[in-house]
């Protein structure tokens, strides 16, 4: 069974406490504007008056591209990491957007509030992706669309082994099943990739809140009891162990990804320079 160390809010919070300090500099080696633009096109975000929720917004990387398509005051960013969200709040282009620090499994919004709900590199972090997607369905208006962009299983077996220790890397079938189980209709997807490595695919998947889609009840956080607190204390050593193993795996696959991306970027630059001559 894969460890999937970051499929936990606790371990993910610890990871982004540190990663937030270098996220803006390192993100270009993992995703690209071109990938995100392809996803936003799939979700048909073209009208400036659409109300958009960015789930797991982080430092606002995706929202920076959303605000080029919709009015910033119609954009809401939510994340559980204050360290990431603070960086998004500091961006002048997002000054008129709303920012919410909360758990995506229990969205603090009323039903039918948004025309589009978007996320990038987020859904596979959730301990319960279907529950999180049901909450996104709940806050989406009828006829609205939910978009998730995320990584797929790495192709090389060596990389895939360590990747599945670090985090969950779903298949196309798993992404589709999550959306279907959450209650979406018209679920479909497209492959997206970085321009410097067209063979390393990710996925952009959308689902619609159609007339036949259920209206999920609002999720509520579990009641805190003495037993749950004791369980949390007993879980802490396991969480620390999972986190340590996950970080060891990331120490292997992270530099490999950066190196692969750097080589691809240099190759693309050389090809573009040659084409200009």
Protein backbone atom coordinates (compact mmCIF):
# COMPACT_ATOMS: atom_id res chain seq x y z
CA UNK A 1 0.00 0.00 0.00
CA UNK A 2 1.46 3.44 -0.92
CA UNK A 3 2.29 5.75 1.99
CA UNK A 4 0.83 8.90 0.36
CA UNK A 5 2.27 10.96 3.20
CA UNK A 6 0.72 14.30 2.26
CA UNK A 7 -2.85 12.97 1.93
CA UNK A 8 -3.52 14.45 5.36
CA UNK A 9 -4.29 17.99 6.39
CA UNK A 10 -1.77 17.78 9.22
CA UNK A 11 1.17 16.63 7.13
CA UNK A 12 0.22 18.94 4.25
CA UNK A 13 0.13 21.88 6.67
CA UNK A 14 3.64 21.04 7.89
CA UNK A 15 4.93 20.68 4.33
CA UNK A 16 3.60 24.04 3.17
CA UNK A 17 4.88 25.77 6.30
CA UNK A 18 8.33 25.23 4.81
CA UNK A 19 7.57 24.99 1.10
CA UNK A 20 5.73 28.34 1.16
CA UNK A 21 9.09 30.08 1.58
CA UNK A 22 10.33 28.89 -1.81
CA UNK A 23 7.06 28.08 -3.60
CA UNK A 24 7.02 31.12 -5.88
CA UNK A 25 10.57 30.42 -7.08
CA UNK A 26 10.13 26.67 -7.50
CA UNK A 27 6.63 26.40 -8.96
CA UNK A 28 7.82 27.08 -12.52
CA UNK A 29 9.63 23.72 -12.49
CA UNK A 30 6.41 21.82 -11.76
CA UNK A 31 3.58 23.56 -13.62
CA UNK A 32 3.15 26.33 -16.17
CA UNK A 33 0.77 29.09 -17.20
CA UNK A 34 0.04 27.13 -20.36
CA UNK A 35 -1.23 24.15 -18.37
CA UNK A 36 -3.47 26.31 -16.23
CA UNK A 37 -4.81 28.26 -19.22
CA UNK A 38 -5.83 24.98 -20.87
CA UNK A 39 -7.76 24.02 -17.73
CA UNK A 40 -9.49 27.39 -17.45
CA UNK A 41 -10.52 27.10 -21.10
CA UNK A 42 -12.01 23.66 -20.40
CA UNK A 43 -14.08 25.20 -17.57
CA UNK A 44 -15.24 27.95 -19.96
CA UNK A 45 -14.20 30.83 -17.75
CA UNK A 46 -14.67 33.64 -20.25
CA UNK A 47 -17.20 36.07 -18.74
CA UNK A 48 -15.97 38.83 -16.38
CA UNK A 49 -19.02 38.67 -14.10
CA UNK A 50 -18.62 34.99 -13.18
CA UNK A 51 -18.20 34.32 -9.47
CA UNK A 52 -15.20 32.02 -9.01
CA UNK A 53 -13.90 30.11 -5.98
CA UNK A 54 -10.25 28.97 -6.02
CA UNK A 55 -9.93 26.00 -3.63
CA UNK A 56 -6.48 25.36 -2.20
CA UNK A 57 -5.47 28.68 -3.73
CA UNK A 58 -2.04 28.77 -2.07
CA UNK A 59 -0.04 31.81 -3.16
CA UNK A 60 -2.62 32.71 -5.80
CA UNK A 61 -0.84 31.22 -8.81
CA UNK A 62 -4.07 30.05 -10.45
CA UNK A 63 -6.06 33.07 -9.26
CA UNK A 64 -3.60 35.40 -10.98
CA UNK A 65 -4.69 33.85 -14.27
CA UNK A 66 -8.37 33.72 -13.29
CA UNK A 67 -8.38 37.45 -12.55
CA UNK A 68 -7.37 38.10 -16.13
CA UNK A 69 -10.69 36.52 -17.15
CA UNK A 70 -13.06 37.71 -14.41
CA UNK A 71 -13.32 40.77 -12.20
CA UNK A 72 -11.07 40.37 -9.14
CA UNK A 73 -13.91 41.29 -6.78
CA UNK A 74 -15.77 38.20 -8.03
CA UNK A 75 -12.89 35.93 -7.00
CA UNK A 76 -12.57 34.13 -3.66
CA UNK A 77 -9.43 32.27 -2.57
CA UNK A 78 -9.54 29.61 0.16
CA UNK A 79 -6.65 27.66 1.69
CA UNK A 80 -5.82 25.98 4.99
CA UNK A 81 -2.25 27.35 4.99
CA UNK A 82 -1.93 30.90 6.34
CA UNK A 83 1.67 31.01 5.12
CA UNK A 84 0.61 30.41 1.52
CA UNK A 85 -2.48 32.63 1.63
CA UNK A 86 -0.50 35.59 3.01
CA UNK A 87 1.58 35.61 -0.16
CA UNK A 88 -1.56 35.68 -2.29
CA UNK A 89 -2.93 38.60 -0.27
CA UNK A 90 0.24 40.57 -0.95
CA UNK A 91 -0.28 40.52 -4.74
CA UNK A 92 -1.69 43.86 -5.98
CA UNK A 93 -3.68 42.20 -8.79
CA UNK A 94 -5.66 40.27 -6.14
CA UNK A 95 -6.28 43.24 -3.86
CA UNK A 96 -10.04 43.23 -4.54
CA UNK A 97 -10.42 39.46 -4.15
CA UNK A 98 -11.69 37.77 -0.98
CA UNK A 99 -9.48 35.48 1.10
CA UNK A 100 -10.69 32.74 3.43
CA UNK A 101 -8.59 30.55 5.72
CA UNK A 102 -10.54 27.30 6.07
CA UNK A 103 -10.68 23.56 5.48
CA UNK A 104 -11.88 22.62 1.98
CA UNK A 105 -13.78 19.65 3.44
CA UNK A 106 -16.15 22.11 5.16
CA UNK A 107 -16.49 25.17 2.93
CA UNK A 108 -17.75 28.21 4.89
CA UNK A 109 -20.18 29.30 2.17
CA UNK A 110 -23.92 28.97 1.60
CA UNK A 111 -25.32 26.75 -1.14
CA UNK A 112 -25.27 27.87 -4.80
CA UNK A 113 -22.81 30.75 -4.43
CA UNK A 114 -20.35 30.33 -7.30
CA UNK A 115 -20.50 29.93 -11.08
CA UNK A 116 -17.14 28.19 -11.18
CA UNK A 117 -15.00 26.38 -8.60
CA UNK A 118 -11.39 25.77 -9.63
CA UNK A 119 -8.30 24.12 -8.20
CA UNK A 120 -4.83 23.22 -9.38
CA UNK A 121 -2.63 20.58 -7.78
CA UNK A 122 -5.01 20.21 -4.85
CA UNK A 123 -7.66 17.49 -5.09
CA UNK A 124 -5.28 14.57 -4.60
CA UNK A 125 -4.08 16.06 -1.28
CA UNK A 126 -7.51 15.64 0.27
CA UNK A 127 -7.86 12.69 2.67
CA UNK A 128 -11.39 12.31 1.28
CA UNK A 129 -11.54 13.73 -2.29
CA UNK A 130 -15.21 12.81 -2.79
CA UNK A 131 -16.27 14.65 0.35
CA UNK A 132 -14.29 17.73 -0.70
CA UNK A 133 -15.78 17.61 -4.21
CA UNK A 134 -19.30 17.28 -2.76
CA UNK A 135 -18.70 20.50 -0.86
CA UNK A 136 -17.60 22.15 -4.11
CA UNK A 137 -20.75 20.82 -5.78
CA UNK A 138 -22.86 22.22 -2.93
CA UNK A 139 -21.57 25.78 -3.28
CA UNK A 140 -21.77 25.76 -7.10
CA UNK A 141 -24.85 27.17 -8.81
CA UNK A 142 -27.00 24.98 -11.05
CA UNK A 143 -25.35 24.89 -14.43
CA UNK A 144 -22.03 25.84 -12.88
CA UNK A 145 -18.78 23.97 -13.43
CA UNK A 146 -16.09 22.60 -11.10
CA UNK A 147 -12.55 22.26 -12.47
CA UNK A 148 -9.69 20.28 -10.94
CA UNK A 149 -6.20 20.10 -12.40
CA UNK A 150 -3.73 17.58 -11.09
CA UNK A 151 -0.84 15.25 -11.68
CA UNK A 152 -1.11 11.72 -13.01
CA UNK A 153 0.93 8.64 -12.14
CA UNK A 154 4.57 9.21 -13.22
CA UNK A 155 5.60 6.88 -16.03
CA UNK A 156 9.10 5.76 -14.85
CA UNK A 157 8.70 3.02 -12.22
CA UNK A 158 11.52 4.43 -10.06
CA UNK A 159 9.91 7.88 -9.90
CA UNK A 160 6.42 6.42 -9.43
CA UNK A 161 7.56 4.41 -6.40
CA UNK A 162 8.87 7.45 -4.53
CA UNK A 163 6.06 9.70 -5.78
CA UNK A 164 3.47 7.42 -4.19
CA UNK A 165 5.34 7.60 -0.91
CA UNK A 166 5.26 11.39 -1.02
CA UNK A 167 1.65 11.88 -2.13
CA UNK A 168 -1.29 10.39 -4.01
CA UNK A 169 -0.97 10.36 -7.80
CA UNK A 170 -4.32 9.24 -9.24
CA UNK A 171 -5.17 7.64 -12.55
CA UNK A 172 -7.63 9.11 -15.04
CA UNK A 173 -10.19 6.55 -13.88
CA UNK A 174 -9.83 7.63 -10.24
CA UNK A 175 -10.32 11.30 -11.08
CA UNK A 176 -13.48 10.53 -13.05
CA UNK A 177 -14.84 8.25 -10.31
CA UNK A 178 -14.34 10.94 -7.66
CA UNK A 179 -16.38 13.41 -9.71
CA UNK A 180 -19.10 10.88 -10.48
CA UNK A 181 -19.35 9.75 -6.85
CA UNK A 182 -19.60 13.38 -5.74
CA UNK A 183 -22.69 13.82 -7.94
CA UNK A 184 -21.47 15.75 -10.97
CA UNK A 185 -22.86 15.30 -14.47
CA UNK A 186 -21.14 15.73 -17.84
CA UNK A 187 -17.75 14.76 -16.39
CA UNK A 188 -14.96 14.98 -18.95
CA UNK A 189 -11.26 15.73 -19.06
CA UNK A 190 -8.31 16.66 -21.23
CA UNK A 191 -4.59 16.09 -20.89
CA UNK A 192 -2.45 19.13 -20.19
CA UNK A 193 1.32 19.44 -20.17
CA UNK A 194 4.14 21.91 -19.79
CA UNK A 195 5.51 23.32 -23.06
CA UNK A 196 8.98 22.13 -22.12
CA UNK A 197 7.88 18.53 -21.60
CA UNK A 198 4.85 17.57 -23.69
CA UNK A 199 5.21 13.88 -22.74
CA UNK A 200 4.71 14.49 -19.00
CA UNK A 201 0.95 14.70 -18.73
CA UNK A 202 -1.34 16.10 -16.09
CA UNK A 203 -5.12 16.18 -16.16
CA UNK A 204 -7.76 18.90 -16.27
CA UNK A 205 -11.19 17.51 -15.38
CA UNK A 206 -14.55 19.26 -15.14
CA UNK A 207 -17.99 18.34 -13.91
CA UNK A 208 -21.26 20.25 -14.10
CA UNK A 209 -23.90 20.77 -11.44
CA UNK A 210 -26.73 19.74 -13.71
CA UNK A 211 -30.46 19.59 -13.06
CA UNK A 212 -30.08 15.93 -12.10
CA UNK A 213 -27.19 16.56 -9.70
CA UNK A 214 -28.04 16.21 -5.99
CA UNK A 215 -27.82 19.14 -3.60
CA UNK A 216 -25.48 17.81 -0.90
CA UNK A 217 -26.09 18.84 2.69
CA UNK A 218 -23.57 21.22 4.16
CA UNK A 219 -20.62 19.36 5.67
CA UNK A 220 -19.89 20.00 9.31
CA UNK A 221 -16.62 19.45 11.16
CA UNK A 222 -16.47 16.43 13.48
CA UNK A 223 -17.33 17.09 17.10
CA UNK A 224 -14.26 17.42 19.29
CA UNK A 225 -14.36 15.07 22.26
CA UNK A 226 -11.91 13.84 24.87
CA UNK A 227 -11.59 10.62 22.90
CA UNK A 228 -10.84 12.44 19.64
CA UNK A 229 -8.21 14.56 21.37
CA UNK A 230 -6.55 11.48 22.83
CA UNK A 231 -6.68 9.84 19.40
CA UNK A 232 -4.96 12.94 18.00
CA UNK A 233 -2.17 12.64 20.55
CA UNK A 234 -1.66 8.97 19.73
CA UNK A 235 -1.66 9.81 16.01
CA UNK A 236 1.07 12.44 16.36
CA UNK A 237 4.04 10.00 16.36
CA UNK A 238 2.58 8.25 13.30
CA UNK A 239 2.05 11.60 11.58
CA UNK A 240 5.65 12.59 12.27
CA UNK A 241 6.88 9.26 10.90
CA UNK A 242 4.71 9.58 7.76
CA UNK A 243 5.90 13.13 7.28
CA UNK A 244 9.54 12.13 7.62
CA UNK A 245 9.20 9.31 5.12
CA UNK A 246 7.31 11.57 2.73
CA UNK A 247 9.96 14.28 2.92
CA UNK A 248 12.68 11.72 2.27
CA UNK A 249 10.83 10.68 -0.89
CA UNK A 250 10.39 14.30 -1.93
CA UNK A 251 14.12 14.86 -1.43
CA UNK A 252 14.59 12.33 -4.24
CA UNK A 253 11.82 13.15 -6.71
CA UNK A 254 11.84 16.94 -6.16
CA UNK A 255 15.39 17.51 -7.48
CA UNK A 256 14.75 15.02 -10.31
CA UNK A 257 11.71 17.04 -11.40
CA UNK A 258 13.63 20.33 -11.20
CA UNK A 259 16.51 18.90 -13.23
CA UNK A 260 14.17 17.44 -15.83
CA UNK A 261 12.29 20.74 -16.09
CA UNK A 262 15.48 22.78 -16.34
CA UNK A 263 16.77 20.61 -19.18
CA UNK A 264 13.41 20.86 -20.95
CA UNK A 265 13.32 24.64 -20.60
CA UNK A 266 16.83 25.00 -22.02
CA UNK A 267 15.97 22.67 -24.89
CA UNK A 268 12.80 24.66 -25.67
CA UNK A 269 14.73 27.94 -25.60
CA UNK A 270 17.28 26.52 -28.03
CA UNK A 271 14.53 25.31 -30.37
CA UNK A 272 12.82 28.70 -30.30
CA UNK A 273 16.09 30.53 -30.93
CA UNK A 274 16.83 28.22 -33.85
CA UNK A 275 13.39 28.86 -35.33
CA UNK A 276 13.96 32.62 -35.26
CA UNK A 277 17.18 32.38 -37.30
